[in-house]
Structure formats: structure tokens, C-alpha cells
Amino acid sequence: MNISQMYIAAAIVVLMILALLVCVFSKNRKATRLTPLASLAFGFILAGILFSDNQPIGYGLMGVGVLLAVVDIFRNRNKTI
């Protein structure tokens, strides 16, 4: 396992832990659907993982996905579900 694969594995573990914490400490336990922007962010992150052989493209796609996810979080933080 080379260093870039270790970074990817660590990022996936961190995302899984964050998702678990959100599920456990969520105030509203209703199932909600992903927003279109969150779905697009998820797609970019998956594409970044798939194209991890070419590091500039893979990391660029992951960066765009994370940026879109952060934008989606800030856009939806004041909305009540």
C-alpha cells in the first residue's frame, strides 16, 4: 500500500466517522434526501477516488467535491427540515 492509498483510506475512515457522529447526535432523526449539490459533491469525491492513479486529477476532483459539500453545508445550515 503506497502513501496515496493510505491517504485515501484515512479520508474514507474520517468521513465514515463523521457520518456516524451525525447519525448518532442528530436532533431530527427523519430520513432526508441528499440535495442536488450534495449529490454532485459525492459524485466528485467518488470520481476522485476512482482516478487516484493520476494524482493531480484525483486530488483535484476530491477537492472540488469537498468544496461543494462545504458550500452545501453553509447553504443549508439555517434551513429547518
PDB file of N, CA and C in Angstrom:
ATOM      1  N   MET A   1       0.846  -1.166   0.000  1.00  0.00           N
ATOM      2  CA  MET A   1       0.000   0.000   0.000  1.00  0.00           C
ATOM      3  C   MET A   1       0.898   1.237   0.000  1.00  0.00           C
ATOM      4  N   ASN A   2       0.766   2.060  -1.034  1.00  0.00           N
ATOM      5  CA  ASN A   2       1.615   3.243  -1.094  1.00  0.00           C
ATOM      6  C   ASN A   2       0.981   4.400  -0.330  1.00  0.00           C
ATOM      7  N   ILE A   3       1.687   5.512  -0.272  1.00  0.00           N
ATOM      8  CA  ILE A   3       1.278   6.629   0.590  1.00  0.00           C
ATOM      9  C   ILE A   3      -0.038   7.256   0.137  1.00  0.00           C
ATOM     10  N   SER A   4      -0.284   7.354  -1.165  1.00  0.00           N
ATOM     11  CA  SER A   4      -1.540   7.966  -1.615  1.00  0.00           C
ATOM     12  C   SER A   4      -2.735   7.081  -1.267  1.00  0.00           C
ATOM     13  N   GLN A   5      -2.569   5.790  -1.332  1.00  0.00           N
ATOM     14  CA  GLN A   5      -3.659   4.896  -0.940  1.00  0.00           C
ATOM     15  C   GLN A   5      -3.923   4.981   0.559  1.00  0.00           C
ATOM     16  N   MET A   6      -2.889   5.223   1.333  1.00  0.00           N
ATOM     17  CA  MET A   6      -3.082   5.391   2.777  1.00  0.00           C
ATOM     18  C   MET A   6      -3.850   6.679   3.065  1.00  0.00           C
ATOM     19  N   TYR A   7      -3.553   7.750   2.322  1.00  0.00           N
ATOM     20  CA  TYR A   7      -4.301   8.994   2.497  1.00  0.00           C
ATOM     21  C   TYR A   7      -5.768   8.801   2.129  1.00  0.00           C
ATOM     22  N   ILE A   8      -6.028   8.104   1.062  1.00  0.00           N
ATOM     23  CA  ILE A   8      -7.405   7.846   0.643  1.00  0.00           C
ATOM     24  C   ILE A   8      -8.129   7.008   1.691  1.00  0.00           C
ATOM     25  N   ALA A   9      -7.472   5.980   2.187  1.00  0.00           N
ATOM     26  CA  ALA A   9      -8.087   5.142   3.220  1.00  0.00           C
ATOM     27  C   ALA A   9      -8.365   5.954   4.478  1.00  0.00           C
ATOM     28  N   ALA A  10      -7.444   6.825   4.854  1.00  0.00           N
ATOM     29  CA  ALA A  10      -7.651   7.667   6.037  1.00  0.00           C
ATOM     30  C   ALA A  10      -8.815   8.633   5.820  1.00  0.00           C
ATOM     31  N   ALA A  11      -8.922   9.196   4.619  1.00  0.00           N
ATOM     32  CA  ALA A  11     -10.029  10.112   4.324  1.00  0.00           C
ATOM     33  C   ALA A  11     -11.367   9.386   4.383  1.00  0.00           C
ATOM     34  N   ILE A  12     -11.417   8.179   3.882  1.00  0.00           N
ATOM     35  CA  ILE A  12     -12.664   7.402   3.917  1.00  0.00           C
ATOM     36  C   ILE A  12     -13.041   7.074   5.357  1.00  0.00           C
ATOM     37  N   VAL A  13     -12.067   6.716   6.172  1.00  0.00           N
ATOM     38  CA  VAL A  13     -12.344   6.403   7.583  1.00  0.00           C
ATOM     39  C   VAL A  13     -12.861   7.643   8.304  1.00  0.00           C
ATOM     40  N   VAL A  14     -12.238   8.795   8.057  1.00  0.00           N
ATOM     41  CA  VAL A  14     -12.681  10.036   8.699  1.00  0.00           C
ATOM     42  C   VAL A  14     -14.099  10.375   8.264  1.00  0.00           C
ATOM     43  N   LEU A  15     -14.419  10.230   6.982  1.00  0.00           N
ATOM     44  CA  LEU A  15     -15.779  10.505   6.504  1.00  0.00           C
ATOM     45  C   LEU A  15     -16.795   9.552   7.122  1.00  0.00           C
ATOM     46  N   MET A  16     -16.419   8.292   7.297  1.00  0.00           N
ATOM     47  CA  MET A  16     -17.334   7.333   7.921  1.00  0.00           C
ATOM     48  C   MET A  16     -17.566   7.684   9.388  1.00  0.00           C
ATOM     49  N   ILE A  17     -16.535   8.110  10.087  1.00  0.00           N
ATOM     50  CA  ILE A  17     -16.686   8.504  11.484  1.00  0.00           C
ATOM     51  C   ILE A  17     -17.571   9.743  11.596  1.00  0.00           C
ATOM     52  N   LEU A  18     -17.370  10.724  10.708  1.00  0.00           N
ATOM     53  CA  LEU A  18     -18.215  11.913  10.716  1.00  0.00           C
ATOM     54  C   LEU A  18     -19.672  11.575  10.429  1.00  0.00           C
ATOM     55  N   ALA A  19     -19.911  10.685   9.477  1.00  0.00           N
ATOM     56  CA  ALA A  19     -21.284  10.280   9.170  1.00  0.00           C
ATOM     57  C   ALA A  19     -21.918   9.574  10.356  1.00  0.00           C
ATOM     58  N   LEU A  20     -21.155   8.746  11.037  1.00  0.00           N
ATOM     59  CA  LEU A  20     -21.663   8.057  12.225  1.00  0.00           C
ATOM     60  C   LEU A  20     -22.002   9.052  13.330  1.00  0.00           C
ATOM     61  N   LEU A  21     -21.130  10.036  13.551  1.00  0.00           N
ATOM     62  CA  LEU A  21     -21.398  11.043  14.572  1.00  0.00           C
ATOM     63  C   LEU A  21     -22.639  11.872  14.238  1.00  0.00           C
ATOM     64  N   VAL A  22     -22.813  12.201  12.977  1.00  0.00           N
ATOM     65  CA  VAL A  22     -24.002  12.957  12.569  1.00  0.00           C
ATOM     66  C   VAL A  22     -25.255  12.129  12.805  1.00  0.00           C
ATOM     67  N   CYS A  23     -25.209  10.859  12.496  1.00  0.00           N
ATOM     68  CA  CYS A  23     -26.371   9.996  12.711  1.00  0.00           C
ATOM     69  C   CYS A  23     -26.686   9.833  14.189  1.00  0.00           C
ATOM     70  N   VAL A  24     -25.677   9.717  15.026  1.00  0.00           N
ATOM     71  CA  VAL A  24     -25.891   9.492  16.453  1.00  0.00           C
ATOM     72  C   VAL A  24     -26.397  10.759  17.141  1.00  0.00           C
ATOM     73  N   PHE A  25     -25.811  11.895  16.825  1.00  0.00           N
ATOM     74  CA  PHE A  25     -26.145  13.128  17.516  1.00  0.00           C
ATOM     75  C   PHE A  25     -27.138  14.013  16.768  1.00  0.00           C
ATOM     76  N   SER A  26     -27.791  13.486  15.776  1.00  0.00           N
ATOM     77  CA  SER A  26     -28.754  14.262  15.012  1.00  0.00           C
ATOM     78  C   SER A  26     -29.988  14.548  15.860  1.00  0.00           C
ATOM     79  N   LYS A  27     -30.430  15.795  15.863  1.00  0.00           N
ATOM     80  CA  LYS A  27     -31.627  16.176  16.610  1.00  0.00           C
ATOM     81  C   LYS A  27     -32.883  15.650  15.925  1.00  0.00           C
ATOM     82  N   ASN A  28     -32.894  15.737  14.626  1.00  0.00           N
ATOM     83  CA  ASN A  28     -34.048  15.313  13.858  1.00  0.00           C
ATOM     84  C   ASN A  28     -33.680  14.003  13.158  1.00  0.00           C
ATOM     85  N   ARG A  29     -34.270  12.911  13.571  1.00  0.00           N
ATOM     86  CA  ARG A  29     -33.875  11.603  13.058  1.00  0.00           C
ATOM     87  C   ARG A  29     -34.671  11.173  11.833  1.00  0.00           C
ATOM     88  N   LYS A  30     -35.403  12.078  11.220  1.00  0.00           N
ATOM     89  CA  LYS A  30     -36.120  11.743   9.991  1.00  0.00           C
ATOM     90  C   LYS A  30     -35.119  11.538   8.857  1.00  0.00           C
ATOM     91  N   ALA A  31     -35.447  10.611   7.998  1.00  0.00           N
ATOM     92  CA  ALA A  31     -34.580  10.366   6.844  1.00  0.00           C
ATOM     93  C   ALA A  31     -34.749  11.521   5.853  1.00  0.00           C
ATOM     94  N   THR A  32     -33.649  12.080   5.426  1.00  0.00           N
ATOM     95  CA  THR A  32     -33.693  13.174   4.460  1.00  0.00           C
ATOM     96  C   THR A  32     -32.928  12.760   3.216  1.00  0.00           C
ATOM     97  N   ARG A  33     -33.346  13.293   2.117  1.00  0.00           N
ATOM     98  CA  ARG A  33     -32.674  13.011   0.862  1.00  0.00           C
ATOM     99  C   ARG A  33     -31.526  13.994   0.662  1.00  0.00           C
ATOM    100  N   LEU A  34     -30.554  13.562  -0.117  1.00  0.00           N
ATOM    101  CA  LEU A  34     -29.433  14.442  -0.437  1.00  0.00           C
ATOM    102  C   LEU A  34     -29.912  15.576  -1.322  1.00  0.00           C
ATOM    103  N   THR A  35     -29.355  16.745  -1.113  1.00  0.00           N
ATOM    104  CA  THR A  35     -29.643  17.853  -2.010  1.00  0.00           C
ATOM    105  C   THR A  35     -28.883  17.612  -3.318  1.00  0.00           C
ATOM    106  N   PRO A  36     -29.303  18.255  -4.387  1.00  0.00           N
ATOM    107  CA  PRO A  36     -28.569  18.068  -5.648  1.00  0.00           C
ATOM    108  C   PRO A  36     -27.087  18.458  -5.538  1.00  0.00           C
ATOM    109  N   LEU A  37     -26.797  19.501  -4.776  1.00  0.00           N
ATOM    110  CA  LEU A  37     -25.406  19.919  -4.623  1.00  0.00           C
ATOM    111  C   LEU A  37     -24.602  18.885  -3.830  1.00  0.00           C
ATOM    112  N   ALA A  38     -25.210  18.293  -2.818  1.00  0.00           N
ATOM    113  CA  ALA A  38     -24.527  17.254  -2.044  1.00  0.00           C
ATOM    114  C   ALA A  38     -24.307  16.005  -2.901  1.00  0.00           C
ATOM    115  N   SER A  39     -25.273  15.681  -3.733  1.00  0.00           N
ATOM    116  CA  SER A  39     -25.105  14.537  -4.636  1.00  0.00           C
ATOM    117  C   SER A  39     -23.965  14.770  -5.616  1.00  0.00           C
ATOM    118  N   LEU A  40     -23.875  15.983  -6.120  1.00  0.00           N
ATOM    119  CA  LEU A  40     -22.788  16.323  -7.040  1.00  0.00           C
ATOM    120  C   LEU A  40     -21.437  16.251  -6.324  1.00  0.00           C
ATOM    121  N   ALA A  41     -21.390  16.729  -5.089  1.00  0.00           N
ATOM    122  CA  ALA A  41     -20.159  16.652  -4.302  1.00  0.00           C
ATOM    123  C   ALA A  41     -19.758  15.202  -4.076  1.00  0.00           C
ATOM    124  N   PHE A  42     -20.719  14.363  -3.739  1.00  0.00           N
ATOM    125  CA  PHE A  42     -20.444  12.943  -3.530  1.00  0.00           C
ATOM    126  C   PHE A  42     -19.906  12.305  -4.809  1.00  0.00           C
ATOM    127  N   GLY A  43     -20.481  12.671  -5.946  1.00  0.00           N
ATOM    128  CA  GLY A  43     -20.004  12.150  -7.226  1.00  0.00           C
ATOM    129  C   GLY A  43     -18.570  12.569  -7.524  1.00  0.00           C
ATOM    130  N   PHE A  44     -18.237  13.826  -7.235  1.00  0.00           N
ATOM    131  CA  PHE A  44     -16.867  14.293  -7.451  1.00  0.00           C
ATOM    132  C   PHE A  44     -15.880  13.551  -6.554  1.00  0.00           C
ATOM    133  N   ILE A  45     -16.267  13.307  -5.316  1.00  0.00           N
ATOM    134  CA  ILE A  45     -15.372  12.590  -4.401  1.00  0.00           C
ATOM    135  C   ILE A  45     -15.159  11.158  -4.874  1.00  0.00           C
ATOM    136  N   LEU A  46     -16.228  10.501  -5.295  1.00  0.00           N
ATOM    137  CA  LEU A  46     -16.080   9.140  -5.829  1.00  0.00           C
ATOM    138  C   LEU A  46     -15.228   9.120  -7.093  1.00  0.00           C
ATOM    139  N   ALA A  47     -15.417  10.104  -7.959  1.00  0.00           N
ATOM    140  CA  ALA A  47     -14.599  10.176  -9.170  1.00  0.00           C
ATOM    141  C   ALA A  47     -13.131  10.403  -8.811  1.00  0.00           C
ATOM    142  N   GLY A  48     -12.884  11.205  -7.794  1.00  0.00           N
ATOM    143  CA  GLY A  48     -11.510  11.431  -7.340  1.00  0.00           C
ATOM    144  C   GLY A  48     -10.869  10.159  -6.832  1.00  0.00           C
ATOM    145  N   ILE A  49     -11.658   9.332  -6.143  1.00  0.00           N
ATOM    146  CA  ILE A  49     -11.132   8.048  -5.670  1.00  0.00           C
ATOM    147  C   ILE A  49     -10.857   7.127  -6.848  1.00  0.00           C
ATOM    148  N   LEU A  50     -11.752   7.127  -7.824  1.00  0.00           N
ATOM    149  CA  LEU A  50     -11.563   6.260  -8.989  1.00  0.00           C
ATOM    150  C   LEU A  50     -10.365   6.684  -9.836  1.00  0.00           C
ATOM    151  N   PHE A  51     -10.106   7.984  -9.928  1.00  0.00           N
ATOM    152  CA  PHE A  51      -8.993   8.481 -10.724  1.00  0.00           C
ATOM    153  C   PHE A  51      -7.763   8.772  -9.871  1.00  0.00           C
ATOM    154  N   SER A  52      -7.604   8.046  -8.775  1.00  0.00           N
ATOM    155  CA  SER A  52      -6.487   8.316  -7.873  1.00  0.00           C
ATOM    156  C   SER A  52      -5.138   7.906  -8.471  1.00  0.00           C
ATOM    157  N   ASP A  53      -5.147   7.135  -9.554  1.00  0.00           N
ATOM    158  CA  ASP A  53      -3.884   6.771 -10.200  1.00  0.00           C
ATOM    159  C   ASP A  53      -3.180   8.002 -10.772  1.00  0.00           C
ATOM    160  N   ASN A  54      -3.969   8.920 -11.298  1.00  0.00           N
ATOM    161  CA  ASN A  54      -3.436  10.186 -11.795  1.00  0.00           C
ATOM    162  C   ASN A  54      -3.659  11.209 -10.688  1.00  0.00           C
ATOM    163  N   GLN A  55      -2.638  11.452  -9.888  1.00  0.00           N
ATOM    164  CA  GLN A  55      -2.800  12.218  -8.659  1.00  0.00           C
ATOM    165  C   GLN A  55      -3.352  13.626  -8.847  1.00  0.00           C
ATOM    166  N   PRO A  56      -2.881  14.430  -9.797  1.00  0.00           N
ATOM    167  CA  PRO A  56      -3.441  15.780  -9.913  1.00  0.00           C
ATOM    168  C   PRO A  56      -4.943  15.772 -10.215  1.00  0.00           C
ATOM    169  N   ILE A  57      -5.362  14.869 -11.068  1.00  0.00           N
ATOM    170  CA  ILE A  57      -6.791  14.797 -11.403  1.00  0.00           C
ATOM    171  C   ILE A  57      -7.582  14.248 -10.221  1.00  0.00           C
ATOM    172  N   GLY A  58      -7.099  13.189  -9.597  1.00  0.00           N
ATOM    173  CA  GLY A  58      -7.805  12.578  -8.477  1.00  0.00           C
ATOM    174  C   GLY A  58      -7.966  13.525  -7.307  1.00  0.00           C
ATOM    175  N   TYR A  59      -6.874  14.179  -6.913  1.00  0.00           N
ATOM    176  CA  TYR A  59      -6.948  15.105  -5.787  1.00  0.00           C
ATOM    177  C   TYR A  59      -7.749  16.349  -6.155  1.00  0.00           C
ATOM    178  N   GLY A  60      -7.665  16.769  -7.393  1.00  0.00           N
ATOM    179  CA  GLY A  60      -8.466  17.918  -7.838  1.00  0.00           C
ATOM    180  C   GLY A  60      -9.954  17.626  -7.759  1.00  0.00           C
ATOM    181  N   LEU A  61     -10.350  16.423  -8.208  1.00  0.00           N
ATOM    182  CA  LEU A  61     -11.760  16.051  -8.136  1.00  0.00           C
ATOM    183  C   LEU A  61     -12.235  15.941  -6.688  1.00  0.00           C
ATOM    184  N   MET A  62     -11.393  15.381  -5.837  1.00  0.00           N
ATOM    185  CA  MET A  62     -11.760  15.295  -4.418  1.00  0.00           C
ATOM    186  C   MET A  62     -11.878  16.684  -3.799  1.00  0.00           C
ATOM    187  N   GLY A  63     -10.977  17.565  -4.155  1.00  0.00           N
ATOM    188  CA  GLY A  63     -11.032  18.933  -3.633  1.00  0.00           C
ATOM    189  C   GLY A  63     -12.295  19.659  -4.056  1.00  0.00           C
ATOM    190  N   VAL A  64     -12.682  19.489  -5.310  1.00  0.00           N
ATOM    191  CA  VAL A  64     -13.925  20.096  -5.794  1.00  0.00           C
ATOM    192  C   VAL A  64     -15.113  19.509  -5.041  1.00  0.00           C
ATOM    193  N   GLY A  65     -15.093  18.208  -4.807  1.00  0.00           N
ATOM    194  CA  GLY A  65     -16.185  17.569  -4.075  1.00  0.00           C
ATOM    195  C   GLY A  65     -16.301  18.085  -2.651  1.00  0.00           C
ATOM    196  N   VAL A  66     -15.180  18.225  -1.976  1.00  0.00           N
ATOM    197  CA  VAL A  66     -15.192  18.743  -0.604  1.00  0.00           C
ATOM    198  C   VAL A  66     -15.664  20.202  -0.597  1.00  0.00           C
ATOM    199  N   LEU A  67     -15.207  20.986  -1.545  1.00  0.00           N
ATOM    200  CA  LEU A  67     -15.633  22.379  -1.635  1.00  0.00           C
ATOM    201  C   LEU A  67     -17.140  22.485  -1.851  1.00  0.00           C
ATOM    202  N   LEU A  68     -17.682  21.662  -2.748  1.00  0.00           N
ATOM    203  CA  LEU A  68     -19.131  21.671  -2.976  1.00  0.00           C
ATOM    204  C   LEU A  68     -19.894  21.223  -1.734  1.00  0.00           C
ATOM    205  N   ALA A  69     -19.364  20.260  -1.017  1.00  0.00           N
ATOM    206  CA  ALA A  69     -20.021  19.793   0.211  1.00  0.00           C
ATOM    207  C   ALA A  69     -20.044  20.908   1.260  1.00  0.00           C
ATOM    208  N   VAL A  70     -18.955  21.634   1.392  1.00  0.00           N
ATOM    209  CA  VAL A  70     -18.905  22.737   2.353  1.00  0.00           C
ATOM    210  C   VAL A  70     -19.880  23.841   1.960  1.00  0.00           C
ATOM    211  N   VAL A  71     -19.951  24.149   0.680  1.00  0.00           N
ATOM    212  CA  VAL A  71     -20.919  25.148   0.201  1.00  0.00           C
ATOM    213  C   VAL A  71     -22.339  24.696   0.513  1.00  0.00           C
ATOM    214  N   ASP A  72     -22.625  23.420   0.300  1.00  0.00           N
ATOM    215  CA  ASP A  72     -23.953  22.891   0.587  1.00  0.00           C
ATOM    216  C   ASP A  72     -24.263  22.971   2.083  1.00  0.00           C
ATOM    217  N   ILE A  73     -23.281  22.691   2.917  1.00  0.00           N
ATOM    218  CA  ILE A  73     -23.485  22.783   4.369  1.00  0.00           C
ATOM    219  C   ILE A  73     -23.824  24.213   4.765  1.00  0.00           C
ATOM    220  N   PHE A  74     -23.081  25.187   4.243  1.00  0.00           N
ATOM    221  CA  PHE A  74     -23.350  26.578   4.596  1.00  0.00           C
ATOM    222  C   PHE A  74     -24.686  27.067   4.047  1.00  0.00           C
ATOM    223  N   ARG A  75     -25.080  26.573   2.878  1.00  0.00           N
ATOM    224  CA  ARG A  75     -26.369  26.991   2.316  1.00  0.00           C
ATOM    225  C   ARG A  75     -27.538  26.420   3.103  1.00  0.00           C
ATOM    226  N   ASN A  76     -27.374  25.231   3.669  1.00  0.00           N
ATOM    227  CA  ASN A  76     -28.494  24.566   4.336  1.00  0.00           C
ATOM    228  C   ASN A  76     -28.435  24.624   5.850  1.00  0.00           C
ATOM    229  N   ARG A  77     -27.496  25.318   6.439  1.00  0.00           N
ATOM    230  CA  ARG A  77     -27.368  25.284   7.897  1.00  0.00           C
ATOM    231  C   ARG A  77     -28.486  26.013   8.616  1.00  0.00           C
ATOM    232  N   ASN A  78     -29.092  27.009   8.021  1.00  0.00           N
ATOM    233  CA  ASN A  78     -30.151  27.771   8.687  1.00  0.00           C
ATOM    234  C   ASN A  78     -31.541  27.258   8.328  1.00  0.00           C
ATOM    235  N   LYS A  79     -31.638  26.357   7.373  1.00  0.00           N
ATOM    236  CA  LYS A  79     -32.933  25.822   6.983  1.00  0.00           C
ATOM    237  C   LYS A  79     -33.325  24.717   7.946  1.00  0.00           C
ATOM    238  N   THR A  80     -34.556  24.719   8.359  1.00  0.00           N
ATOM    239  CA  THR A  80     -35.050  23.643   9.202  1.00  0.00           C
ATOM    240  C   THR A  80     -35.700  22.597   8.329  1.00  0.00           C
ATOM    241  N   ILE A  81     -35.500  21.361   8.694  1.00  0.00           N
ATOM    242  CA  ILE A  81     -36.029  20.258   7.887  1.00  0.00           C
ATOM    243  C   ILE A  81     -37.298  19.761   8.511  1.00  0.00           C
TER     244      ILE A  81
END
